[in-house]
């Protein structure tokens, strides 16, 4: 995570029926604190802690995080999460988690289809079809959970780098 990569994203109109936009005022909490306060992200928060990324993601950012829910982690093959959480797999876990992060604060209204560079260094493909937005095939199910150092968009699958 020594290099934060630039991200170019423009405007896309999103169907309010396809994606639930959080309209709450921005939080004064960091994206990590927001996730830690939501029981649907307990697996993600445990992984962020195990990977040693709490301090980094509590930093100034800004960050855009495609955050998988506990249900998303449960879709992985049996034993995958437990294996990634082992201390000897810390680097691999960090790579998986930073693949869910892009530099900058990208709100739903600023998203456009295309290839986006992640903090991990790999690319994700953002698609928008008929008001439905996906990131590498993962559905974006909630957008714009805004914290003081970035934004969270909730996805229904875990993104795995190539």
N, C-alpha and C. Protein backbone atom coordinates (compact mmCIF):
# COMPACT_ATOMS: atom_id res chain seq x y z
N UNK A 1 0.81 -1.19 0.00
CA UNK A 1 0.00 0.00 0.00
C UNK A 1 0.86 1.26 0.00
N UNK A 2 2.13 1.12 -0.37
CA UNK A 2 2.99 2.29 -0.38
C UNK A 2 2.58 3.30 -1.43
N UNK A 3 1.96 2.81 -2.48
CA UNK A 3 1.57 3.75 -3.52
C UNK A 3 0.05 3.77 -3.64
N UNK A 4 -0.47 4.95 -3.57
CA UNK A 4 -1.90 5.12 -3.77
C UNK A 4 -2.09 5.49 -5.24
N UNK A 5 -2.89 4.74 -5.91
CA UNK A 5 -3.05 4.90 -7.34
C UNK A 5 -4.21 5.83 -7.67
N UNK A 6 -4.05 6.59 -8.72
CA UNK A 6 -5.10 7.53 -9.09
C UNK A 6 -6.28 6.79 -9.71
N UNK A 7 -7.40 7.42 -9.63
CA UNK A 7 -8.65 6.82 -10.09
C UNK A 7 -9.43 7.86 -10.85
N UNK A 8 -9.76 7.54 -12.09
CA UNK A 8 -10.55 8.44 -12.89
C UNK A 8 -11.93 7.85 -13.06
N UNK A 9 -12.90 8.57 -12.55
CA UNK A 9 -14.27 8.09 -12.64
C UNK A 9 -15.17 9.30 -12.92
N UNK A 10 -16.13 9.15 -13.81
CA UNK A 10 -17.05 10.24 -14.14
C UNK A 10 -18.47 9.88 -13.71
N UNK A 11 -19.44 10.57 -14.23
CA UNK A 11 -20.82 10.46 -13.75
C UNK A 11 -21.59 9.35 -14.44
N UNK A 12 -22.40 8.65 -13.66
CA UNK A 12 -23.32 7.63 -14.17
C UNK A 12 -24.63 7.78 -13.42
N UNK A 13 -25.69 7.77 -14.14
CA UNK A 13 -27.01 7.84 -13.52
C UNK A 13 -27.39 6.45 -13.03
N UNK A 14 -27.76 6.34 -11.76
CA UNK A 14 -28.11 5.05 -11.16
C UNK A 14 -29.59 4.99 -10.88
N UNK A 15 -30.22 3.87 -11.16
CA UNK A 15 -31.63 3.67 -10.88
C UNK A 15 -31.84 3.53 -9.38
N UNK A 16 -32.76 4.31 -8.80
CA UNK A 16 -33.01 4.18 -7.37
C UNK A 16 -33.64 2.84 -7.02
N UNK A 17 -34.20 2.13 -7.98
CA UNK A 17 -34.77 0.82 -7.72
C UNK A 17 -33.70 -0.26 -7.63
N UNK A 18 -32.59 -0.04 -8.30
CA UNK A 18 -31.55 -1.07 -8.34
C UNK A 18 -30.58 -0.96 -7.17
N UNK A 19 -30.37 0.24 -6.69
CA UNK A 19 -29.38 0.45 -5.65
C UNK A 19 -29.96 1.36 -4.58
N UNK A 20 -29.77 0.99 -3.34
CA UNK A 20 -30.21 1.81 -2.23
C UNK A 20 -29.10 2.78 -1.88
N UNK A 21 -29.35 4.06 -2.06
CA UNK A 21 -28.38 5.08 -1.69
C UNK A 21 -28.62 5.51 -0.26
N UNK A 22 -27.60 5.46 0.56
CA UNK A 22 -27.71 5.95 1.92
C UNK A 22 -27.72 7.47 1.86
N UNK A 23 -28.73 8.10 2.40
CA UNK A 23 -28.86 9.55 2.32
C UNK A 23 -28.49 10.23 3.64
N UNK A 24 -27.97 9.48 4.57
CA UNK A 24 -27.60 10.05 5.86
C UNK A 24 -26.43 11.01 5.69
N UNK A 25 -26.33 11.93 6.62
CA UNK A 25 -25.22 12.88 6.61
C UNK A 25 -23.91 12.12 6.80
N UNK A 26 -22.83 12.65 6.25
CA UNK A 26 -21.53 12.00 6.42
C UNK A 26 -21.21 11.82 7.91
N UNK A 27 -20.61 10.71 8.22
CA UNK A 27 -20.23 10.41 9.59
C UNK A 27 -18.91 11.10 9.92
N UNK A 28 -18.69 11.37 11.16
CA UNK A 28 -17.41 11.89 11.63
C UNK A 28 -16.46 10.74 11.96
N UNK A 29 -16.91 9.50 11.72
CA UNK A 29 -16.09 8.32 11.97
C UNK A 29 -15.32 7.94 10.71
N UNK A 30 -14.24 7.19 10.88
CA UNK A 30 -13.50 6.67 9.73
C UNK A 30 -14.29 5.52 9.13
N UNK A 31 -13.90 5.11 7.93
CA UNK A 31 -14.57 3.98 7.29
C UNK A 31 -14.42 2.70 8.11
N UNK A 32 -13.29 2.55 8.79
CA UNK A 32 -13.09 1.36 9.64
C UNK A 32 -14.05 1.41 10.83
N UNK A 33 -14.20 2.56 11.46
CA UNK A 33 -15.10 2.68 12.61
C UNK A 33 -16.54 2.44 12.19
N UNK A 34 -16.91 2.92 11.02
CA UNK A 34 -18.27 2.69 10.52
C UNK A 34 -18.49 1.19 10.33
N UNK A 35 -17.55 0.53 9.67
CA UNK A 35 -17.68 -0.91 9.45
C UNK A 35 -17.71 -1.67 10.77
N UNK A 36 -16.87 -1.26 11.72
CA UNK A 36 -16.82 -1.93 13.02
C UNK A 36 -18.13 -1.80 13.78
N UNK A 37 -18.87 -0.74 13.51
CA UNK A 37 -20.14 -0.52 14.17
C UNK A 37 -21.32 -1.22 13.51
N UNK A 38 -21.06 -1.94 12.44
CA UNK A 38 -22.13 -2.62 11.71
C UNK A 38 -21.90 -4.13 11.78
N UNK A 39 -22.80 -4.88 12.42
CA UNK A 39 -22.60 -6.32 12.56
C UNK A 39 -22.53 -7.07 11.23
N UNK A 40 -23.06 -6.50 10.15
CA UNK A 40 -22.98 -7.15 8.84
C UNK A 40 -21.56 -7.18 8.28
N UNK A 41 -20.66 -6.41 8.89
CA UNK A 41 -19.27 -6.36 8.44
C UNK A 41 -18.30 -6.99 9.43
N UNK A 42 -18.77 -7.82 10.34
CA UNK A 42 -17.89 -8.38 11.37
C UNK A 42 -16.76 -9.22 10.78
N UNK A 43 -17.03 -9.97 9.73
CA UNK A 43 -15.97 -10.77 9.10
C UNK A 43 -14.95 -9.86 8.43
N UNK A 44 -15.42 -8.84 7.74
CA UNK A 44 -14.53 -7.88 7.09
C UNK A 44 -13.65 -7.18 8.13
N UNK A 45 -14.25 -6.75 9.23
CA UNK A 45 -13.48 -6.07 10.28
C UNK A 45 -12.44 -7.00 10.89
N UNK A 46 -12.80 -8.25 11.13
CA UNK A 46 -11.83 -9.23 11.65
C UNK A 46 -10.68 -9.40 10.67
N UNK A 47 -10.99 -9.43 9.38
CA UNK A 47 -9.96 -9.59 8.36
C UNK A 47 -9.04 -8.37 8.30
N UNK A 48 -9.62 -7.17 8.38
CA UNK A 48 -8.83 -5.94 8.37
C UNK A 48 -7.87 -5.93 9.56
N UNK A 49 -8.35 -6.36 10.72
CA UNK A 49 -7.48 -6.43 11.91
C UNK A 49 -6.38 -7.47 11.71
N UNK A 50 -6.74 -8.65 11.22
CA UNK A 50 -5.76 -9.73 11.03
C UNK A 50 -4.69 -9.35 10.00
N UNK A 51 -5.07 -8.53 9.02
CA UNK A 51 -4.12 -8.11 7.99
C UNK A 51 -3.27 -6.92 8.42
N UNK A 52 -3.57 -6.35 9.58
CA UNK A 52 -2.81 -5.20 10.05
C UNK A 52 -3.11 -3.93 9.28
N UNK A 53 -4.34 -3.79 8.78
CA UNK A 53 -4.69 -2.64 7.95
C UNK A 53 -5.52 -1.58 8.66
N UNK A 54 -5.81 -1.79 9.94
CA UNK A 54 -6.66 -0.83 10.66
C UNK A 54 -6.05 0.57 10.64
N UNK A 55 -4.80 0.68 11.00
CA UNK A 55 -4.16 2.00 11.05
C UNK A 55 -4.16 2.67 9.68
N UNK A 56 -3.84 1.91 8.64
CA UNK A 56 -3.82 2.46 7.29
C UNK A 56 -5.20 2.98 6.89
N UNK A 57 -6.24 2.15 7.09
CA UNK A 57 -7.59 2.54 6.67
C UNK A 57 -8.24 3.53 7.62
N UNK A 58 -7.62 3.79 8.76
CA UNK A 58 -8.05 4.87 9.65
C UNK A 58 -7.35 6.17 9.30
N UNK A 59 -6.41 6.11 8.34
CA UNK A 59 -5.66 7.29 7.92
C UNK A 59 -6.52 8.30 7.19
N UNK A 60 -5.88 9.34 6.72
CA UNK A 60 -6.61 10.43 6.09
C UNK A 60 -7.30 10.04 4.79
N UNK A 61 -6.74 9.06 4.07
CA UNK A 61 -7.37 8.66 2.81
C UNK A 61 -7.30 9.78 1.81
N UNK A 62 -8.37 10.00 1.07
CA UNK A 62 -9.65 9.29 1.17
C UNK A 62 -9.61 7.94 0.47
N UNK A 63 -10.50 7.06 0.92
CA UNK A 63 -10.61 5.71 0.38
C UNK A 63 -12.04 5.46 -0.10
N UNK A 64 -12.15 4.65 -1.12
CA UNK A 64 -13.44 4.09 -1.51
C UNK A 64 -13.30 2.60 -1.31
N UNK A 65 -14.19 2.05 -0.49
CA UNK A 65 -14.12 0.63 -0.16
C UNK A 65 -15.35 -0.08 -0.67
N UNK A 66 -15.11 -1.13 -1.45
CA UNK A 66 -16.18 -2.05 -1.86
C UNK A 66 -16.21 -3.12 -0.78
N UNK A 67 -17.16 -2.99 0.16
CA UNK A 67 -17.16 -3.79 1.38
C UNK A 67 -18.08 -5.00 1.28
N UNK A 68 -17.50 -6.20 1.29
CA UNK A 68 -18.33 -7.41 1.30
C UNK A 68 -18.94 -7.64 2.68
N UNK A 69 -20.18 -8.08 2.69
CA UNK A 69 -20.87 -8.40 3.94
C UNK A 69 -20.45 -9.77 4.44
N UNK A 70 -20.91 -10.11 5.63
CA UNK A 70 -20.67 -11.46 6.17
C UNK A 70 -21.24 -12.51 5.22
N UNK A 71 -22.40 -12.25 4.64
CA UNK A 71 -23.00 -13.18 3.68
C UNK A 71 -22.11 -13.37 2.46
N UNK A 72 -21.44 -12.31 2.03
CA UNK A 72 -20.52 -12.41 0.89
C UNK A 72 -19.35 -13.32 1.24
N UNK A 73 -18.79 -13.17 2.43
CA UNK A 73 -17.69 -14.04 2.85
C UNK A 73 -18.17 -15.48 2.97
N UNK A 74 -19.41 -15.69 3.39
CA UNK A 74 -19.96 -17.04 3.54
C UNK A 74 -20.09 -17.76 2.20
N UNK A 75 -20.12 -17.03 1.10
CA UNK A 75 -20.20 -17.63 -0.24
C UNK A 75 -18.88 -18.28 -0.68
N UNK A 76 -17.79 -17.91 -0.03
CA UNK A 76 -16.49 -18.47 -0.39
C UNK A 76 -16.45 -19.96 -0.04
N UNK A 77 -15.62 -20.73 -0.72
CA UNK A 77 -15.51 -22.16 -0.38
C UNK A 77 -15.16 -22.36 1.10
N UNK A 78 -15.66 -23.43 1.65
CA UNK A 78 -15.43 -23.75 3.07
C UNK A 78 -13.94 -23.68 3.40
N UNK A 79 -13.62 -23.04 4.49
CA UNK A 79 -12.24 -22.95 4.97
C UNK A 79 -11.45 -21.78 4.41
N UNK A 80 -11.97 -21.09 3.40
CA UNK A 80 -11.22 -19.99 2.77
C UNK A 80 -10.97 -18.86 3.76
N UNK A 81 -12.01 -18.40 4.42
CA UNK A 81 -11.86 -17.28 5.36
C UNK A 81 -10.93 -17.67 6.50
N UNK A 82 -11.16 -18.84 7.07
CA UNK A 82 -10.31 -19.30 8.18
C UNK A 82 -8.85 -19.39 7.76
N UNK A 83 -8.61 -19.86 6.55
CA UNK A 83 -7.25 -19.95 6.04
C UNK A 83 -6.61 -18.58 5.86
N UNK A 84 -7.36 -17.63 5.32
CA UNK A 84 -6.83 -16.29 5.12
C UNK A 84 -6.53 -15.58 6.44
N UNK A 85 -7.28 -15.92 7.47
CA UNK A 85 -7.09 -15.26 8.77
C UNK A 85 -5.89 -15.78 9.56
N UNK A 86 -5.27 -16.85 9.09
CA UNK A 86 -4.09 -17.39 9.77
C UNK A 86 -2.92 -16.42 9.62
N UNK A 87 -2.11 -16.27 10.68
CA UNK A 87 -0.99 -15.33 10.64
C UNK A 87 -0.05 -15.54 9.45
N UNK A 88 0.18 -16.78 9.06
CA UNK A 88 1.09 -17.04 7.94
C UNK A 88 0.53 -16.56 6.59
N UNK A 89 -0.76 -16.22 6.55
CA UNK A 89 -1.38 -15.74 5.30
C UNK A 89 -1.68 -14.25 5.34
N UNK A 90 -1.02 -13.53 6.24
CA UNK A 90 -1.28 -12.10 6.42
C UNK A 90 -1.08 -11.31 5.12
N UNK A 91 -0.03 -11.58 4.38
CA UNK A 91 0.24 -10.85 3.13
C UNK A 91 -0.84 -11.14 2.09
N UNK A 92 -1.24 -12.40 1.99
CA UNK A 92 -2.29 -12.76 1.04
C UNK A 92 -3.62 -12.10 1.42
N UNK A 93 -3.93 -12.09 2.70
CA UNK A 93 -5.15 -11.44 3.19
C UNK A 93 -5.11 -9.95 2.90
N UNK A 94 -3.98 -9.32 3.15
CA UNK A 94 -3.85 -7.88 2.86
C UNK A 94 -4.06 -7.61 1.38
N UNK A 95 -3.55 -8.49 0.51
CA UNK A 95 -3.73 -8.32 -0.93
C UNK A 95 -5.21 -8.42 -1.30
N UNK A 96 -5.91 -9.38 -0.71
CA UNK A 96 -7.35 -9.53 -0.99
C UNK A 96 -8.09 -8.29 -0.52
N UNK A 97 -7.80 -7.82 0.67
CA UNK A 97 -8.52 -6.66 1.21
C UNK A 97 -8.22 -5.38 0.45
N UNK A 98 -6.96 -5.13 0.11
CA UNK A 98 -6.63 -3.90 -0.62
C UNK A 98 -7.13 -3.94 -2.05
N UNK A 99 -7.50 -5.12 -2.54
CA UNK A 99 -8.14 -5.25 -3.85
C UNK A 99 -9.56 -4.69 -3.81
N UNK A 100 -10.11 -4.49 -2.63
CA UNK A 100 -11.44 -3.91 -2.44
C UNK A 100 -11.40 -2.40 -2.24
N UNK A 101 -10.22 -1.80 -2.33
CA UNK A 101 -10.05 -0.38 -2.02
C UNK A 101 -9.49 0.35 -3.24
N UNK A 102 -10.08 1.52 -3.52
CA UNK A 102 -9.51 2.40 -4.54
C UNK A 102 -9.21 3.74 -3.88
N UNK A 103 -8.22 4.41 -4.42
CA UNK A 103 -7.83 5.71 -3.89
C UNK A 103 -8.88 6.74 -4.25
N UNK A 104 -9.16 7.62 -3.33
CA UNK A 104 -10.11 8.69 -3.57
C UNK A 104 -11.48 8.37 -2.98
N UNK A 105 -12.30 9.39 -2.91
CA UNK A 105 -13.66 9.27 -2.40
C UNK A 105 -14.59 9.31 -3.60
N UNK A 106 -15.10 8.15 -4.00
CA UNK A 106 -15.93 8.04 -5.19
C UNK A 106 -17.37 7.72 -4.76
N UNK A 107 -18.23 8.71 -4.86
CA UNK A 107 -19.63 8.52 -4.54
C UNK A 107 -20.35 7.87 -5.71
N UNK A 108 -21.53 7.32 -5.45
CA UNK A 108 -22.30 6.63 -6.49
C UNK A 108 -22.53 7.52 -7.71
N UNK A 109 -22.80 8.78 -7.49
CA UNK A 109 -23.06 9.69 -8.60
C UNK A 109 -21.82 9.92 -9.46
N UNK A 110 -20.65 9.55 -8.97
CA UNK A 110 -19.39 9.76 -9.70
C UNK A 110 -18.89 8.52 -10.42
N UNK A 111 -19.64 7.43 -10.33
CA UNK A 111 -19.18 6.15 -10.89
C UNK A 111 -19.53 6.07 -12.37
N UNK A 112 -18.61 5.50 -13.14
CA UNK A 112 -18.91 5.19 -14.54
C UNK A 112 -18.29 3.83 -14.86
N UNK A 113 -18.86 3.14 -15.83
CA UNK A 113 -18.32 1.83 -16.20
C UNK A 113 -16.88 1.95 -16.69
N UNK A 114 -16.10 0.92 -16.42
CA UNK A 114 -14.74 0.88 -16.91
C UNK A 114 -13.82 0.11 -15.99
N UNK A 115 -12.55 0.16 -16.30
CA UNK A 115 -11.53 -0.52 -15.53
C UNK A 115 -10.97 0.47 -14.51
N UNK A 116 -10.88 0.02 -13.26
CA UNK A 116 -10.42 0.87 -12.17
C UNK A 116 -9.26 0.17 -11.46
N UNK A 117 -8.21 0.92 -11.19
CA UNK A 117 -7.03 0.41 -10.49
C UNK A 117 -7.30 0.42 -8.99
N UNK A 118 -6.99 -0.70 -8.33
CA UNK A 118 -7.17 -0.79 -6.88
C UNK A 118 -5.87 -0.43 -6.16
N UNK A 119 -5.95 -0.22 -4.86
CA UNK A 119 -4.76 0.05 -4.05
C UNK A 119 -3.82 -1.15 -4.09
N UNK A 120 -4.36 -2.35 -4.22
CA UNK A 120 -3.56 -3.57 -4.30
C UNK A 120 -2.71 -3.58 -5.56
N UNK A 121 -3.13 -2.83 -6.58
CA UNK A 121 -2.39 -2.76 -7.84
C UNK A 121 -3.09 -3.43 -8.99
N UNK A 122 -4.07 -4.27 -8.70
CA UNK A 122 -4.84 -4.92 -9.75
C UNK A 122 -5.99 -4.06 -10.21
N UNK A 123 -6.63 -4.50 -11.26
CA UNK A 123 -7.77 -3.79 -11.82
C UNK A 123 -9.07 -4.50 -11.48
N UNK A 124 -10.13 -3.71 -11.29
CA UNK A 124 -11.48 -4.25 -11.21
C UNK A 124 -12.28 -3.64 -12.35
N UNK A 125 -13.30 -4.37 -12.77
CA UNK A 125 -14.14 -3.90 -13.86
C UNK A 125 -15.49 -3.49 -13.28
N UNK A 126 -15.82 -2.22 -13.47
CA UNK A 126 -17.11 -1.70 -13.03
C UNK A 126 -18.03 -1.71 -14.24
N UNK A 127 -19.20 -2.34 -14.08
CA UNK A 127 -20.19 -2.38 -15.14
C UNK A 127 -21.50 -1.81 -14.63
N UNK A 128 -22.23 -1.21 -15.54
CA UNK A 128 -23.56 -0.68 -15.21
C UNK A 128 -24.50 -1.08 -16.34
N UNK A 129 -25.44 -1.93 -16.01
CA UNK A 129 -26.42 -2.38 -16.99
C UNK A 129 -27.82 -2.24 -16.40
N UNK A 130 -28.64 -1.46 -17.06
CA UNK A 130 -30.04 -1.30 -16.66
C UNK A 130 -30.16 -0.88 -15.20
N UNK A 131 -29.33 0.04 -14.76
CA UNK A 131 -29.38 0.56 -13.41
C UNK A 131 -28.74 -0.32 -12.36
N UNK A 132 -28.16 -1.44 -12.76
CA UNK A 132 -27.50 -2.35 -11.83
C UNK A 132 -25.99 -2.18 -11.99
N UNK A 133 -25.31 -1.94 -10.89
CA UNK A 133 -23.86 -1.74 -10.93
C UNK A 133 -23.18 -2.95 -10.32
N UNK A 134 -22.13 -3.43 -11.00
CA UNK A 134 -21.34 -4.54 -10.48
C UNK A 134 -19.86 -4.16 -10.51
N UNK A 135 -19.11 -4.80 -9.62
CA UNK A 135 -17.66 -4.66 -9.58
C UNK A 135 -17.12 -6.08 -9.67
N UNK A 136 -16.47 -6.39 -10.78
CA UNK A 136 -15.99 -7.77 -11.04
C UNK A 136 -17.09 -8.79 -10.81
N UNK A 137 -18.30 -8.45 -11.18
CA UNK A 137 -19.44 -9.35 -11.06
C UNK A 137 -20.15 -9.29 -9.72
N UNK A 138 -19.56 -8.67 -8.72
CA UNK A 138 -20.22 -8.51 -7.41
C UNK A 138 -21.24 -7.37 -7.53
N UNK A 139 -22.44 -7.61 -7.05
CA UNK A 139 -23.48 -6.58 -7.09
C UNK A 139 -23.25 -5.54 -6.01
N UNK A 140 -23.37 -4.27 -6.40
CA UNK A 140 -23.34 -3.19 -5.43
C UNK A 140 -24.77 -3.08 -4.89
N UNK A 141 -24.92 -3.35 -3.59
CA UNK A 141 -26.27 -3.43 -3.01
C UNK A 141 -26.63 -2.22 -2.15
N UNK A 142 -25.64 -1.43 -1.76
CA UNK A 142 -25.88 -0.20 -1.01
C UNK A 142 -24.70 0.72 -1.28
N UNK A 143 -24.98 1.99 -1.43
CA UNK A 143 -23.92 2.93 -1.77
C UNK A 143 -23.85 4.08 -0.78
N UNK A 144 -22.75 4.80 -0.88
CA UNK A 144 -22.56 6.08 -0.22
C UNK A 144 -22.72 6.06 1.30
N UNK A 145 -22.05 5.14 1.94
CA UNK A 145 -21.93 5.19 3.40
C UNK A 145 -20.66 6.01 3.64
N UNK A 146 -20.86 7.28 3.94
CA UNK A 146 -19.77 8.25 3.92
C UNK A 146 -19.19 8.46 5.32
N UNK A 147 -17.87 8.35 5.40
CA UNK A 147 -17.14 8.63 6.63
C UNK A 147 -16.22 9.81 6.42
N UNK A 148 -15.50 10.17 7.46
CA UNK A 148 -14.63 11.34 7.35
C UNK A 148 -13.42 11.10 6.45
N UNK A 149 -13.07 9.84 6.19
CA UNK A 149 -11.90 9.57 5.34
C UNK A 149 -12.24 8.72 4.12
N UNK A 150 -13.51 8.71 3.73
CA UNK A 150 -13.85 7.97 2.53
C UNK A 150 -15.29 7.53 2.51
N UNK A 151 -15.55 6.56 1.64
CA UNK A 151 -16.91 6.09 1.41
C UNK A 151 -16.91 4.57 1.26
N UNK A 152 -17.99 3.95 1.72
CA UNK A 152 -18.17 2.51 1.60
C UNK A 152 -19.33 2.25 0.66
N UNK A 153 -19.12 1.30 -0.26
CA UNK A 153 -20.18 0.76 -1.10
C UNK A 153 -20.25 -0.72 -0.77
N UNK A 154 -21.42 -1.21 -0.43
CA UNK A 154 -21.60 -2.58 0.01
C UNK A 154 -21.76 -3.48 -1.21
N UNK A 155 -21.01 -4.60 -1.22
CA UNK A 155 -21.11 -5.58 -2.31
C UNK A 155 -21.50 -6.94 -1.76
N UNK A 156 -22.04 -7.78 -2.64
CA UNK A 156 -22.57 -9.08 -2.19
C UNK A 156 -21.64 -10.25 -2.43
N UNK A 157 -20.41 -9.99 -2.85
CA UNK A 157 -19.42 -11.06 -3.07
C UNK A 157 -18.03 -10.51 -2.72
N UNK A 158 -17.14 -11.42 -2.38
CA UNK A 158 -15.76 -11.03 -2.10
C UNK A 158 -15.01 -10.98 -3.43
N UNK A 159 -14.24 -9.94 -3.63
CA UNK A 159 -13.42 -9.79 -4.83
C UNK A 159 -12.08 -10.46 -4.58
N UNK A 160 -11.67 -11.29 -5.50
CA UNK A 160 -10.37 -11.97 -5.36
C UNK A 160 -9.45 -11.53 -6.49
N UNK A 161 -8.25 -11.04 -6.14
CA UNK A 161 -7.31 -10.62 -7.17
C UNK A 161 -6.83 -11.81 -7.99
N UNK A 162 -6.45 -11.53 -9.22
CA UNK A 162 -5.95 -12.57 -10.11
C UNK A 162 -4.57 -13.01 -9.69
